Amino acid sequence: MSAPPPPPPPPSTAAAGATQAALLDAAEALFSERGYAGVSTREIVENAGANIAAIKYHFGSKQELYLAVLRRAMSRPESDEIWSVLPVDASDASPEQAATAIAQLIQGFLAHIIDEASSDTAPSLLCREAFEPSAAFGDVVEEYIKPRTERIEATIRVLVPEACDDRVRALGQGILGMVLHYKSFYEIQSRLWLGREPSQARVELIAQTLAGFSLRGLGCDEALVASVLSAMADDAKTDQETR
């Protein structure tokens, strides 16, 4: 009786890296479109051009692949850049700096999440996770949402130092909720008035409206609100001129 054939040799480092990247790319596109539960492992490997055992070999499981997709998407520079306008240590920020930072966050976050040309899938993945929590939900909250939420809360506290923790949290979630409305209900907004590709002027109008609404809700005086909105308008004009 002849001996069984030897097992195939393990893939080279370059080939393994290419397969991992292909799996991540395919899974990210599918997960951002249909969510964790709506995607099968067979679809992922077929779109990645890999064999059915590739996910288990490279990641261990579909859930671990999903976590890898989320971590990669959430750590991209374009996502971090949006939140970098908030002070790392808000305790040293002035009310003017805090108000400007909140307005800049609104402006950058809004433009990013409704940019149809953006290749960043983090907003779509997070919205999917919020509406259809997967087994990775706890990791998403702890690794991505909580740190950023704490930064905006610390910035808000500069403007409302007397507020209790729950009020600060409610204010922070209110600001983020207004912006995320344009992601969660984008299809409705695009049909009502935005169109499939909102003009830069409309995006800036929404950003300035939300910023003014937020800063007044945080108790900023009209002089400060006017100064921040004027700076936003100047930045928008400069950005258009340099395009």
Protein backbone atom coordinates (compact mmCIF):
# COMPACT_ATOMS: atom_id res chain seq x y z
CA MET A 1 0.00 0.00 0.00
CA SER A 2 1.51 3.30 -1.04
CA ALA A 3 2.09 6.07 1.47
CA PRO A 4 -0.37 9.00 1.46
CA PRO A 5 0.84 12.09 -0.42
CA PRO A 6 2.60 14.69 1.72
CA PRO A 7 0.60 17.78 2.73
CA PRO A 8 1.00 20.80 0.47
CA PRO A 9 3.72 23.21 1.53
CA PRO A 10 2.60 26.33 3.40
CA PRO A 11 2.20 29.42 1.24
CA SER A 12 5.10 31.81 0.98
CA THR A 13 5.08 34.94 3.15
CA ALA A 14 4.30 37.11 0.11
CA ALA A 15 1.48 34.84 -1.05
CA ALA A 16 0.01 34.65 2.47
CA GLY A 17 0.11 38.43 2.78
CA ALA A 18 -1.59 38.86 -0.57
CA THR A 19 -4.33 36.41 0.38
CA GLN A 20 -4.89 38.13 3.72
CA ALA A 21 -5.18 41.50 2.03
CA ALA A 22 -7.59 40.11 -0.56
CA LEU A 23 -9.77 38.61 2.16
CA LEU A 24 -9.78 41.88 4.12
CA ASP A 25 -10.67 43.91 1.03
CA ALA A 26 -13.46 41.57 -0.04
CA ALA A 27 -14.87 41.26 3.48
CA GLU A 28 -14.76 45.02 4.06
CA ALA A 29 -16.73 45.74 0.89
CA LEU A 30 -19.34 43.10 1.72
CA PHE A 31 -19.65 43.86 5.45
CA SER A 32 -20.02 47.61 4.86
CA GLU A 33 -22.79 46.94 2.35
CA ARG A 34 -24.75 44.22 4.13
CA GLY A 35 -23.47 43.88 7.69
CA TYR A 36 -21.91 40.94 9.49
CA ALA A 37 -24.93 38.63 9.46
CA GLY A 38 -25.73 39.31 5.81
CA VAL A 39 -22.45 37.99 4.45
CA SER A 40 -21.35 34.37 4.17
CA THR A 41 -17.80 33.08 4.32
CA ARG A 42 -18.25 31.53 0.88
CA GLU A 43 -19.06 34.94 -0.60
CA ILE A 44 -15.97 36.44 0.97
CA VAL A 45 -13.56 33.81 -0.34
CA GLU A 46 -15.15 33.86 -3.79
CA ASN A 47 -14.78 37.64 -4.01
CA ALA A 48 -11.22 37.37 -2.72
CA GLY A 49 -10.30 34.64 -5.18
CA ALA A 50 -9.30 32.35 -2.29
CA ASN A 51 -10.23 28.81 -1.29
CA ILE A 52 -12.90 28.02 1.29
CA ALA A 53 -10.35 27.24 4.04
CA ALA A 54 -8.54 30.59 3.69
CA ILE A 55 -10.52 32.46 6.36
CA LYS A 56 -9.88 29.78 8.99
CA TYR A 57 -6.20 29.52 8.00
CA HIS A 58 -5.46 33.25 8.03
CA PHE A 59 -7.88 34.59 10.67
CA GLY A 60 -9.31 31.66 12.59
CA SER A 61 -12.98 32.50 12.05
CA LYS A 62 -15.41 34.84 10.32
CA GLN A 63 -15.71 36.86 13.54
CA GLU A 64 -11.95 37.35 13.79
CA LEU A 65 -11.87 38.42 10.14
CA TYR A 66 -14.67 40.89 10.85
CA LEU A 67 -12.73 42.33 13.80
CA ALA A 68 -9.65 42.67 11.61
CA VAL A 69 -11.73 44.50 9.01
CA LEU A 70 -13.15 46.87 11.62
CA ARG A 71 -9.77 47.60 13.18
CA ARG A 72 -8.19 48.30 9.81
CA ALA A 73 -11.03 50.60 8.76
CA MET A 74 -11.11 52.44 12.08
CA SER A 75 -7.36 53.05 12.16
CA ARG A 76 -7.08 54.71 8.76
CA PRO A 77 -5.53 58.20 8.81
CA GLU A 78 -8.58 59.88 7.27
CA SER A 79 -10.73 58.71 10.17
CA ASP A 80 -8.23 59.76 12.85
CA GLU A 81 -7.71 63.12 11.16
CA ILE A 82 -11.34 64.08 11.67
CA TRP A 83 -11.08 63.60 15.43
CA SER A 84 -7.62 65.15 15.71
CA VAL A 85 -9.21 68.63 15.79
CA LEU A 86 -10.34 67.92 19.35
CA PRO A 87 -7.71 68.74 21.99
CA VAL A 88 -5.88 65.76 23.44
CA ASP A 89 -6.00 67.46 26.84
CA ALA A 90 -9.02 69.73 26.92
CA SER A 91 -8.25 70.96 30.44
CA ASP A 92 -5.87 73.53 28.93
CA ALA A 93 -8.27 74.67 26.17
CA SER A 94 -10.01 78.03 26.20
CA PRO A 95 -13.74 78.36 25.45
CA GLU A 96 -12.81 79.78 22.02
CA GLN A 97 -10.58 76.79 21.27
CA ALA A 98 -13.21 74.31 22.48
CA ALA A 99 -15.98 75.94 20.42
CA THR A 100 -13.78 76.02 17.31
CA ALA A 101 -12.80 72.37 17.78
CA ILE A 102 -16.43 71.25 18.06
CA ALA A 103 -17.36 73.21 14.92
CA GLN A 104 -14.41 71.74 13.02
CA LEU A 105 -15.37 68.22 14.13
CA ILE A 106 -18.92 68.73 12.87
CA GLN A 107 -17.66 70.12 9.58
CA GLY A 108 -15.10 67.38 8.94
CA PHE A 109 -17.27 64.51 10.16
CA LEU A 110 -20.28 65.59 8.12
CA ALA A 111 -18.28 66.07 4.92
CA HIS A 112 -16.65 62.69 5.40
CA ILE A 113 -19.74 60.58 6.03
CA ILE A 114 -21.75 61.89 3.10
CA ASP A 115 -18.88 61.88 0.62
CA GLU A 116 -19.96 59.30 -1.94
CA ALA A 117 -16.46 59.30 -3.43
CA SER A 118 -14.78 58.41 -0.14
CA SER A 119 -13.28 54.93 0.05
CA ASP A 120 -13.42 54.95 3.87
CA THR A 121 -15.93 52.35 4.99
CA ALA A 122 -15.63 53.00 8.74
CA PRO A 123 -18.84 55.11 8.94
CA SER A 124 -20.86 52.46 7.07
CA LEU A 125 -19.41 49.63 9.14
CA LEU A 126 -20.16 51.45 12.39
CA CYS A 127 -23.72 52.30 11.36
CA ARG A 128 -24.27 48.67 10.40
CA GLU A 129 -22.88 47.60 13.75
CA ALA A 130 -25.11 50.07 15.60
CA PHE A 131 -28.31 48.86 13.90
CA GLU A 132 -27.35 45.18 13.78
CA PRO A 133 -24.92 44.49 16.65
CA SER A 134 -22.64 41.52 16.09
CA ALA A 135 -20.47 39.58 18.50
CA ALA A 136 -17.82 42.24 17.88
CA PHE A 137 -20.02 45.06 19.19
CA GLY A 138 -18.29 45.30 22.56
CA ASP A 139 -14.88 45.58 20.92
CA VAL A 140 -16.11 48.29 18.55
CA VAL A 141 -17.49 50.36 21.43
CA GLU A 142 -14.40 49.98 23.63
CA GLU A 143 -11.75 50.42 20.94
CA TYR A 144 -13.29 53.08 18.73
CA ILE A 145 -16.45 54.75 19.98
CA LYS A 146 -15.65 55.20 23.67
CA PRO A 147 -12.26 56.96 23.26
CA ARG A 148 -13.68 59.41 20.73
CA THR A 149 -16.80 60.03 22.78
CA GLU A 150 -14.64 60.82 25.81
CA ARG A 151 -12.68 63.38 23.78
CA ILE A 152 -15.74 65.28 22.66
CA GLU A 153 -17.16 65.16 26.20
CA ALA A 154 -13.93 66.62 27.60
CA THR A 155 -14.10 69.41 25.01
CA ILE A 156 -17.75 70.12 25.81
CA ARG A 157 -16.95 70.36 29.52
CA VAL A 158 -14.77 73.40 28.79
CA LEU A 159 -17.93 75.21 27.68
CA VAL A 160 -20.25 73.86 30.39
CA PRO A 161 -17.97 73.30 33.39
CA GLU A 162 -20.89 73.27 35.82
CA ALA A 163 -22.79 70.47 34.02
CA CYS A 164 -23.10 67.01 35.55
CA ASP A 165 -21.58 64.03 33.75
CA ASP A 166 -24.92 62.83 32.37
CA ARG A 167 -25.68 66.24 30.86
CA VAL A 168 -22.25 66.39 29.23
CA ARG A 169 -22.79 62.91 27.77
CA ALA A 170 -26.25 63.88 26.52
CA LEU A 171 -24.83 67.01 24.87
CA GLY A 172 -22.07 65.00 23.20
CA GLN A 173 -24.45 62.38 21.90
CA GLY A 174 -26.79 65.08 20.69
CA ILE A 175 -24.05 66.68 18.59
CA LEU A 176 -22.90 63.37 17.14
CA GLY A 177 -26.50 62.29 16.57
CA MET A 178 -27.26 65.35 14.46
CA VAL A 179 -24.29 64.63 12.22
CA LEU A 180 -24.94 60.89 12.00
CA HIS A 181 -28.53 61.60 10.99
CA TYR A 182 -27.15 62.47 7.56
CA LYS A 183 -25.47 59.04 7.36
CA SER A 184 -28.26 56.91 8.80
CA PHE A 185 -30.97 58.63 6.76
CA TYR A 186 -28.88 59.56 3.75
CA GLU A 187 -31.20 57.86 1.26
CA ILE A 188 -34.15 59.87 2.57
CA GLN A 189 -32.20 63.14 2.65
CA SER A 190 -30.83 62.60 -0.85
CA ARG A 191 -34.35 62.12 -2.19
CA LEU A 192 -35.85 65.02 -0.24
CA TRP A 193 -33.31 67.70 -1.09
CA LEU A 194 -29.62 66.78 -1.05
CA GLY A 195 -29.41 64.78 -4.27
CA ARG A 196 -27.11 61.81 -4.82
CA GLU A 197 -24.01 64.00 -4.80
CA PRO A 198 -24.59 66.96 -2.45
CA SER A 199 -22.95 70.17 -3.56
CA GLN A 200 -20.13 71.60 -1.48
CA ALA A 201 -22.31 74.62 -0.74
CA ARG A 202 -25.05 72.43 0.74
CA VAL A 203 -22.60 70.44 2.85
CA GLU A 204 -21.13 73.68 4.22
CA LEU A 205 -24.61 75.06 4.90
CA ILE A 206 -25.53 71.95 6.90
CA ALA A 207 -22.22 72.02 8.80
CA GLN A 208 -22.61 75.69 9.74
CA THR A 209 -26.24 75.17 10.74
CA LEU A 210 -25.39 72.22 12.99
CA ALA A 211 -22.38 74.03 14.45
CA GLY A 212 -24.42 77.11 15.29
CA PHE A 213 -27.20 74.99 16.77
CA SER A 214 -24.68 73.01 18.86
CA LEU A 215 -22.71 75.98 20.16
CA ARG A 216 -25.86 77.85 21.17
CA GLY A 217 -27.09 74.70 22.89
CA LEU A 218 -23.80 74.62 24.81
CA GLY A 219 -24.45 78.16 26.04
CA CYS A 220 -21.91 80.00 23.89
CA ASP A 221 -22.64 83.71 23.53
CA GLU A 222 -23.59 85.09 20.15
CA ALA A 223 -20.26 86.84 19.65
CA LEU A 224 -18.37 83.56 19.97
CA VAL A 225 -20.87 81.70 17.77
CA ALA A 226 -20.60 84.39 15.09
CA SER A 227 -16.80 84.30 15.22
CA VAL A 228 -16.65 80.51 14.84
CA LEU A 229 -19.20 80.45 12.00
CA SER A 230 -17.36 83.24 10.21
CA ALA A 231 -14.12 81.24 10.43
CA MET A 232 -15.92 78.18 9.07
CA ALA A 233 -17.22 80.20 6.11
CA ASP A 234 -13.73 81.57 5.42
CA ASP A 235 -12.23 78.07 5.54
CA ALA A 236 -14.89 76.78 3.16
CA LYS A 237 -14.20 79.64 0.72
CA THR A 238 -10.47 78.98 0.84
CA ASP A 239 -11.03 75.27 0.30
CA GLN A 240 -13.18 75.93 -2.78
CA GLU A 241 -10.60 78.31 -4.22
CA THR A 242 -7.83 75.74 -3.87
CA ARG A 243 -9.76 72.88 -5.46
